[in-house]
Amino acid sequence: MGIRIGELKDFLDRFPDGRICKYGFSSPHSFRGYYDEAAVEPCHDVTIAEMKAVIDTLLTDTFVGWKGGDFNYNILTPIHFSRIGYADDLDQEMVQIILSIAGFDMDFYAKFTINGSTRF
């Protein structure tokens, strides 16, 4: 299993709200693969505050599954980085997002990948 909503929330809380991240996320939705799991869509040039608002939306709103049903998420719910309407897990984008939030650049990211695959 990957990262949970609460873990991502705790990570974001370490950084100033005004920090602009080259890679981030927006657009909270239910994950197409498992509707009872949350998803966010990767995006560019987003602030920590905007991403925290996405997390708050995931924790307070009710989401509709792709084939029906209402789903509410909590801090223990797995979160996926996935395009809306797709069952893809964008692991590479997740790594870029986390490193961008932490303030690392793509040169740092390149040290941890081989032919586009994450080394850890």
Protein backbone atom coordinates (compact mmCIF):
# COMPACT_ATOMS: atom_id res chain seq x y z
CA MET A 1 0.00 0.00 0.00
CA GLY A 2 1.15 3.52 -0.71
CA ILE A 3 0.67 6.74 1.18
CA ARG A 4 -2.43 7.57 3.25
CA ILE A 5 -4.26 10.90 3.36
CA GLY A 6 -3.11 11.59 6.93
CA GLU A 7 0.53 10.94 6.07
CA LEU A 8 0.36 13.38 3.16
CA LYS A 9 -1.40 15.94 5.37
CA ASP A 10 1.31 15.61 8.04
CA PHE A 11 4.01 16.00 5.39
CA LEU A 12 2.43 19.17 3.98
CA ASP A 13 2.12 20.66 7.47
CA ARG A 14 5.93 20.81 7.66
CA PHE A 15 6.13 23.53 5.01
CA PRO A 16 4.99 27.17 4.77
CA ASP A 17 1.59 27.68 3.12
CA GLY A 18 2.97 30.20 0.65
CA ARG A 19 5.61 27.88 -0.84
CA ILE A 20 5.02 27.40 -4.56
CA CYS A 21 5.81 23.91 -5.82
CA LYS A 22 6.65 23.24 -9.45
CA TYR A 23 4.93 19.86 -9.08
CA GLY A 24 1.92 19.35 -6.87
CA PHE A 25 -1.62 18.12 -6.94
CA SER A 26 -5.21 19.32 -7.24
CA SER A 27 -8.62 17.94 -8.25
CA PRO A 28 -9.63 15.54 -5.47
CA HIS A 29 -11.73 12.58 -6.64
CA SER A 30 -12.46 8.93 -6.00
CA PHE A 31 -9.86 6.60 -7.44
CA ARG A 32 -11.15 4.82 -10.52
CA GLY A 33 -9.49 1.56 -9.48
CA TYR A 34 -11.03 1.41 -5.97
CA TYR A 35 -13.79 3.91 -5.32
CA ASP A 36 -13.33 3.70 -1.56
CA GLU A 37 -9.82 5.12 -2.03
CA ALA A 38 -9.04 8.77 -2.73
CA ALA A 39 -7.11 10.29 -5.61
CA VAL A 40 -5.65 13.63 -6.61
CA GLU A 41 -4.46 14.73 -10.00
CA PRO A 42 -0.88 15.93 -10.51
CA CYS A 43 -0.53 19.58 -11.53
CA HIS A 44 2.08 22.32 -11.82
CA ASP A 45 2.81 25.53 -9.93
CA VAL A 46 0.64 25.07 -6.87
CA THR A 47 1.08 26.34 -3.32
CA ILE A 48 1.23 24.28 -0.17
CA ALA A 49 -1.96 26.04 0.97
CA GLU A 50 -3.78 24.95 -2.20
CA MET A 51 -2.72 21.34 -1.68
CA LYS A 52 -3.78 21.49 1.99
CA ALA A 53 -7.20 22.68 0.81
CA VAL A 54 -7.41 19.63 -1.47
CA ILE A 55 -6.65 17.38 1.51
CA ASP A 56 -9.31 19.16 3.58
CA THR A 57 -11.82 18.58 0.77
CA LEU A 58 -10.96 14.87 0.74
CA LEU A 59 -11.58 14.70 4.48
CA THR A 60 -14.87 16.60 4.52
CA ASP A 61 -16.74 16.03 1.24
CA THR A 62 -18.58 12.97 -0.03
CA PHE A 63 -17.33 11.57 -3.34
CA VAL A 64 -19.27 9.54 -5.87
CA GLY A 65 -17.72 6.36 -7.23
CA TRP A 66 -17.36 5.96 -10.97
CA LYS A 67 -20.13 3.35 -11.06
CA GLY A 68 -22.13 4.85 -8.23
CA GLY A 69 -22.05 4.91 -4.47
CA ASP A 70 -21.05 7.61 -2.02
CA PHE A 71 -17.65 7.52 -0.35
CA ASN A 72 -16.18 9.45 2.57
CA TYR A 73 -12.48 9.42 3.31
CA ASN A 74 -10.45 9.76 6.49
CA ILE A 75 -6.79 10.06 7.44
CA LEU A 76 -6.27 6.30 7.04
CA THR A 77 -7.62 6.19 3.49
CA PRO A 78 -5.02 5.42 0.79
CA ILE A 79 -4.44 8.25 -1.66
CA HIS A 80 -3.43 7.81 -5.29
CA PHE A 81 -1.86 10.24 -7.74
CA SER A 82 -4.05 9.60 -10.76
CA ARG A 83 -5.72 11.43 -13.60
CA ILE A 84 -9.47 11.89 -13.20
CA GLY A 85 -11.35 8.98 -14.72
CA TYR A 86 -8.33 6.67 -14.99
CA ALA A 87 -7.20 3.75 -12.83
CA ASP A 88 -3.54 4.65 -13.27
CA ASP A 89 -1.17 5.17 -10.38
CA LEU A 90 1.36 7.80 -11.37
CA ASP A 91 4.20 6.76 -9.07
CA GLN A 92 6.83 8.78 -10.92
CA GLU A 93 4.72 11.90 -10.65
CA MET A 94 4.20 11.22 -6.94
CA VAL A 95 7.95 11.15 -6.38
CA GLN A 96 8.35 14.42 -8.31
CA ILE A 97 5.57 16.02 -6.27
CA ILE A 98 6.99 14.98 -2.91
CA LEU A 99 10.49 16.14 -3.85
CA SER A 100 9.16 19.41 -5.22
CA ILE A 101 7.26 20.10 -1.99
CA ALA A 102 10.40 19.37 0.00
CA GLY A 103 12.30 21.89 -2.13
CA PHE A 104 14.47 19.56 -4.19
CA ASP A 105 14.99 20.15 -7.90
CA MET A 106 14.92 17.73 -10.81
CA ASP A 107 18.71 17.16 -10.61
CA PHE A 108 18.10 15.60 -7.22
CA TYR A 109 15.21 13.58 -8.66
CA ALA A 110 17.40 12.28 -11.50
CA LYS A 111 19.82 10.78 -8.98
CA PHE A 112 17.06 8.47 -7.76
CA THR A 113 15.83 7.18 -11.11
CA ILE A 114 17.21 4.89 -13.77
CA ASN A 115 15.51 4.98 -17.18
CA GLY A 116 12.43 6.55 -15.60
CA SER A 117 12.08 3.96 -12.82
CA THR A 118 12.41 4.94 -9.20
CA ARG A 119 15.37 3.31 -7.46
CA PHE A 120 13.82 3.12 -4.00
